[in-house]
Amino acid sequence: MTGPASTVPGPQGEQGLRGFNGTNGVNGTQGDPGPNQILPANLYYNPGNLVSIIGSLSGTPGNSTATCQAGDIAIGGNSDVISYDQGTLSTAEHIVILYDGNEDFDKYSTDVLLFGTTPTDVSLTFTTNVLCFNNP
């Protein structure tokens, strides 16, 4: 006569041998060649957001960012001053460009700090444009 079955697990066995690596798969077909030159027909500009700021003693920040269409690449850009009222002081005392350049692969960004002696002393309106490569 046998007793009841044990519910206590036994010790784990040794790990088995590692199998062989399989053979490599077949290479896929070569894709179409990419462009070998940048032609004007493959370039376009996208405008960024329009920013209007009024200067303050501590500096008022402003940011304009322009973005290419999905999958396209930013290859450059620029910022454009739409209007500037410097009050009674010179330009150099008011505007600090913190950043003006590419951001990621598809954006161009401009960050500006505007200072003024009173809240209505100086104002600036600007935008950013990105030059994009249409990546087919």
C-alpha atoms as a PDB file:
ATOM      1  CA  MET A   1       0.000   0.000   0.000  1.00  0.00           C
ATOM      2  CA  THR A   2       1.313   3.428  -0.859  1.00  0.00           C
ATOM      3  CA  GLY A   3       0.864   6.622   1.114  1.00  0.00           C
ATOM      4  CA  PRO A   4      -0.664   9.910  -0.065  1.00  0.00           C
ATOM      5  CA  ALA A   5       1.152  11.930  -2.808  1.00  0.00           C
ATOM      6  CA  SER A   6       3.599  14.547  -1.520  1.00  0.00           C
ATOM      7  CA  THR A   7       2.784  18.243  -2.129  1.00  0.00           C
ATOM      8  CA  VAL A   8       6.335  19.425  -1.449  1.00  0.00           C
ATOM      9  CA  PRO A   9       8.221  20.102  -4.720  1.00  0.00           C
ATOM     10  CA  GLY A  10      11.533  18.441  -5.252  1.00  0.00           C
ATOM     11  CA  PRO A  11      14.788  20.259  -6.040  1.00  0.00           C
ATOM     12  CA  GLN A  12      15.107  21.971  -9.451  1.00  0.00           C
ATOM     13  CA  GLY A  13      16.975  19.979 -12.054  1.00  0.00           C
ATOM     14  CA  GLU A  14      20.070  21.098 -13.947  1.00  0.00           C
ATOM     15  CA  GLN A  15      19.760  23.431 -16.942  1.00  0.00           C
ATOM     16  CA  GLY A  16      19.719  21.627 -20.268  1.00  0.00           C
ATOM     17  CA  LEU A  17      22.253  22.084 -23.057  1.00  0.00           C
ATOM     18  CA  ARG A  18      21.981  25.186 -25.200  1.00  0.00           C
ATOM     19  CA  GLY A  19      20.794  24.548 -28.739  1.00  0.00           C
ATOM     20  CA  PHE A  20      22.578  25.551 -31.930  1.00  0.00           C
ATOM     21  CA  ASN A  21      22.041  28.947 -33.577  1.00  0.00           C
ATOM     22  CA  GLY A  22      19.878  28.831 -36.667  1.00  0.00           C
ATOM     23  CA  THR A  23      21.076  29.856 -40.105  1.00  0.00           C
ATOM     24  CA  ASN A  24      20.893  33.497 -41.185  1.00  0.00           C
ATOM     25  CA  GLY A  25      17.885  34.559 -43.213  1.00  0.00           C
ATOM     26  CA  VAL A  26      17.986  35.741 -46.800  1.00  0.00           C
ATOM     27  CA  ASN A  27      18.916  39.413 -47.344  1.00  0.00           C
ATOM     28  CA  GLY A  28      16.082  41.677 -48.482  1.00  0.00           C
ATOM     29  CA  THR A  29      16.030  43.553 -51.752  1.00  0.00           C
ATOM     30  CA  GLN A  30      17.901  46.867 -51.952  1.00  0.00           C
ATOM     31  CA  GLY A  31      15.747  49.955 -51.483  1.00  0.00           C
ATOM     32  CA  ASP A  32      15.507  52.860 -53.876  1.00  0.00           C
ATOM     33  CA  PRO A  33      18.472  55.252 -53.739  1.00  0.00           C
ATOM     34  CA  GLY A  34      18.014  58.456 -51.763  1.00  0.00           C
ATOM     35  CA  PRO A  35      18.608  61.908 -53.171  1.00  0.00           C
ATOM     36  CA  ASN A  36      22.236  62.762 -53.888  1.00  0.00           C
ATOM     37  CA  GLN A  37      21.772  66.543 -53.955  1.00  0.00           C
ATOM     38  CA  ILE A  38      19.558  69.169 -52.390  1.00  0.00           C
ATOM     39  CA  LEU A  39      17.527  70.907 -55.059  1.00  0.00           C
ATOM     40  CA  PRO A  40      15.470  74.074 -54.544  1.00  0.00           C
ATOM     41  CA  ALA A  41      12.356  72.074 -55.427  1.00  0.00           C
ATOM     42  CA  ASN A  42      12.949  69.959 -52.274  1.00  0.00           C
ATOM     43  CA  LEU A  43      13.128  72.971 -49.924  1.00  0.00           C
ATOM     44  CA  TYR A  44      10.368  74.994 -48.291  1.00  0.00           C
ATOM     45  CA  TYR A  45       9.934  77.469 -45.431  1.00  0.00           C
ATOM     46  CA  ASN A  46       7.450  77.087 -42.588  1.00  0.00           C
ATOM     47  CA  PRO A  47       6.659  80.059 -40.341  1.00  0.00           C
ATOM     48  CA  GLY A  48       6.628  79.815 -36.568  1.00  0.00           C
ATOM     49  CA  ASN A  49       4.351  81.459 -34.057  1.00  0.00           C
ATOM     50  CA  LEU A  50       4.204  85.257 -33.861  1.00  0.00           C
ATOM     51  CA  VAL A  51       5.413  86.598 -30.478  1.00  0.00           C
ATOM     52  CA  SER A  52       4.695  90.055 -29.013  1.00  0.00           C
ATOM     53  CA  ILE A  53       6.385  90.965 -25.730  1.00  0.00           C
ATOM     54  CA  ILE A  54       6.701  94.110 -23.627  1.00  0.00           C
ATOM     55  CA  GLY A  55       9.981  94.647 -21.761  1.00  0.00           C
ATOM     56  CA  SER A  56      10.312  94.588 -17.981  1.00  0.00           C
ATOM     57  CA  LEU A  57      13.155  95.304 -15.554  1.00  0.00           C
ATOM     58  CA  SER A  58      13.740  91.573 -15.001  1.00  0.00           C
ATOM     59  CA  GLY A  59      13.391  90.735 -18.693  1.00  0.00           C
ATOM     60  CA  THR A  60      10.367  89.329 -20.491  1.00  0.00           C
ATOM     61  CA  PRO A  61      11.024  86.009 -22.279  1.00  0.00           C
ATOM     62  CA  GLY A  62       9.614  85.130 -25.683  1.00  0.00           C
ATOM     63  CA  ASN A  63       9.891  81.991 -27.816  1.00  0.00           C
ATOM     64  CA  SER A  64       8.992  81.364 -31.440  1.00  0.00           C
ATOM     65  CA  THR A  65       9.387  77.866 -32.861  1.00  0.00           C
ATOM     66  CA  ALA A  66       8.823  76.769 -36.468  1.00  0.00           C
ATOM     67  CA  THR A  67       8.367  73.083 -37.331  1.00  0.00           C
ATOM     68  CA  CYS A  68       8.782  71.130 -40.571  1.00  0.00           C
ATOM     69  CA  GLN A  69       6.155  68.713 -41.824  1.00  0.00           C
ATOM     70  CA  ALA A  70       6.311  65.184 -40.375  1.00  0.00           C
ATOM     71  CA  GLY A  71       9.372  63.244 -41.593  1.00  0.00           C
ATOM     72  CA  ASP A  72      11.125  66.306 -43.056  1.00  0.00           C
ATOM     73  CA  ILE A  73      14.402  67.793 -41.793  1.00  0.00           C
ATOM     74  CA  ALA A  74      15.229  71.345 -40.670  1.00  0.00           C
ATOM     75  CA  ILE A  75      18.411  72.490 -42.371  1.00  0.00           C
ATOM     76  CA  GLY A  76      18.335  76.104 -41.212  1.00  0.00           C
ATOM     77  CA  GLY A  77      16.161  79.029 -40.332  1.00  0.00           C
ATOM     78  CA  ASN A  78      15.988  82.646 -39.283  1.00  0.00           C
ATOM     79  CA  SER A  79      14.132  85.023 -37.012  1.00  0.00           C
ATOM     80  CA  ASP A  80      12.331  88.115 -38.289  1.00  0.00           C
ATOM     81  CA  VAL A  81      11.613  91.261 -36.277  1.00  0.00           C
ATOM     82  CA  ILE A  82       8.139  92.440 -37.240  1.00  0.00           C
ATOM     83  CA  SER A  83       8.111  95.551 -35.059  1.00  0.00           C
ATOM     84  CA  TYR A  84      10.328  97.062 -32.381  1.00  0.00           C
ATOM     85  CA  ASP A  85       9.710 100.140 -30.225  1.00  0.00           C
ATOM     86  CA  GLN A  86      12.868 100.908 -28.264  1.00  0.00           C
ATOM     87  CA  GLY A  87      11.481 103.776 -26.227  1.00  0.00           C
ATOM     88  CA  THR A  88      14.253 106.220 -25.327  1.00  0.00           C
ATOM     89  CA  LEU A  89      17.186 103.776 -25.032  1.00  0.00           C
ATOM     90  CA  SER A  90      19.343 101.968 -27.601  1.00  0.00           C
ATOM     91  CA  THR A  91      18.613  98.471 -28.951  1.00  0.00           C
ATOM     92  CA  ALA A  92      21.685  96.903 -27.325  1.00  0.00           C
ATOM     93  CA  GLU A  93      20.331  97.694 -23.863  1.00  0.00           C
ATOM     94  CA  HIS A  94      17.064  95.845 -24.407  1.00  0.00           C
ATOM     95  CA  ILE A  95      17.271  92.622 -26.436  1.00  0.00           C
ATOM     96  CA  VAL A  96      19.174  89.492 -25.455  1.00  0.00           C
ATOM     97  CA  ILE A  97      18.956  86.569 -27.875  1.00  0.00           C
ATOM     98  CA  LEU A  98      19.291  83.485 -25.689  1.00  0.00           C
ATOM     99  CA  TYR A  99      19.062  80.940 -28.501  1.00  0.00           C
ATOM    100  CA  ASP A 100      18.634  81.065 -32.272  1.00  0.00           C
ATOM    101  CA  GLY A 101      19.116  77.747 -34.045  1.00  0.00           C
ATOM    102  CA  ASN A 102      17.990  74.247 -34.889  1.00  0.00           C
ATOM    103  CA  GLU A 103      16.117  72.309 -32.240  1.00  0.00           C
ATOM    104  CA  ASP A 104      15.880  68.551 -32.825  1.00  0.00           C
ATOM    105  CA  PHE A 105      15.818  67.424 -36.460  1.00  0.00           C
ATOM    106  CA  ASP A 106      12.631  69.177 -37.513  1.00  0.00           C
ATOM    107  CA  LYS A 107      12.509  72.555 -35.706  1.00  0.00           C
ATOM    108  CA  TYR A 108      14.112  75.982 -35.605  1.00  0.00           C
ATOM    109  CA  SER A 109      13.678  78.078 -32.483  1.00  0.00           C
ATOM    110  CA  THR A 110      14.414  81.600 -31.234  1.00  0.00           C
ATOM    111  CA  ASP A 111      14.416  82.549 -27.522  1.00  0.00           C
ATOM    112  CA  VAL A 112      14.576  86.259 -26.671  1.00  0.00           C
ATOM    113  CA  LEU A 113      14.725  88.226 -23.437  1.00  0.00           C
ATOM    114  CA  LEU A 114      13.450  91.821 -23.606  1.00  0.00           C
ATOM    115  CA  PHE A 115      14.339  94.425 -20.962  1.00  0.00           C
ATOM    116  CA  GLY A 116      12.686  97.788 -20.345  1.00  0.00           C
ATOM    117  CA  THR A 117      12.814 100.475 -17.685  1.00  0.00           C
ATOM    118  CA  THR A 118       9.003 100.614 -17.401  1.00  0.00           C
ATOM    119  CA  PRO A 119       6.368  98.100 -18.569  1.00  0.00           C
ATOM    120  CA  THR A 120       5.592 100.248 -21.629  1.00  0.00           C
ATOM    121  CA  ASP A 121       9.139 101.417 -22.404  1.00  0.00           C
ATOM    122  CA  VAL A 122      10.065  98.816 -25.024  1.00  0.00           C
ATOM    123  CA  SER A 123       8.152  96.230 -27.091  1.00  0.00           C
ATOM    124  CA  LEU A 124       9.059  93.618 -29.677  1.00  0.00           C
ATOM    125  CA  THR A 125       7.123  91.467 -32.121  1.00  0.00           C
ATOM    126  CA  PHE A 126       9.031  88.678 -33.881  1.00  0.00           C
ATOM    127  CA  THR A 127       8.657  85.309 -35.529  1.00  0.00           C
ATOM    128  CA  THR A 128      10.867  82.402 -36.583  1.00  0.00           C
ATOM    129  CA  ASN A 129      11.034  80.582 -39.926  1.00  0.00           C
ATOM    130  CA  VAL A 130      12.461  77.125 -40.589  1.00  0.00           C
ATOM    131  CA  LEU A 131      14.027  76.015 -43.867  1.00  0.00           C
ATOM    132  CA  CYS A 132      12.957  72.400 -44.404  1.00  0.00           C
ATOM    133  CA  PHE A 133      14.190  69.615 -46.656  1.00  0.00           C
ATOM    134  CA  ASN A 134      11.304  67.602 -48.074  1.00  0.00           C
ATOM    135  CA  ASN A 135      12.528  64.106 -47.202  1.00  0.00           C
ATOM    136  CA  PRO A 136      10.705  61.843 -49.692  1.00  0.00           C
END
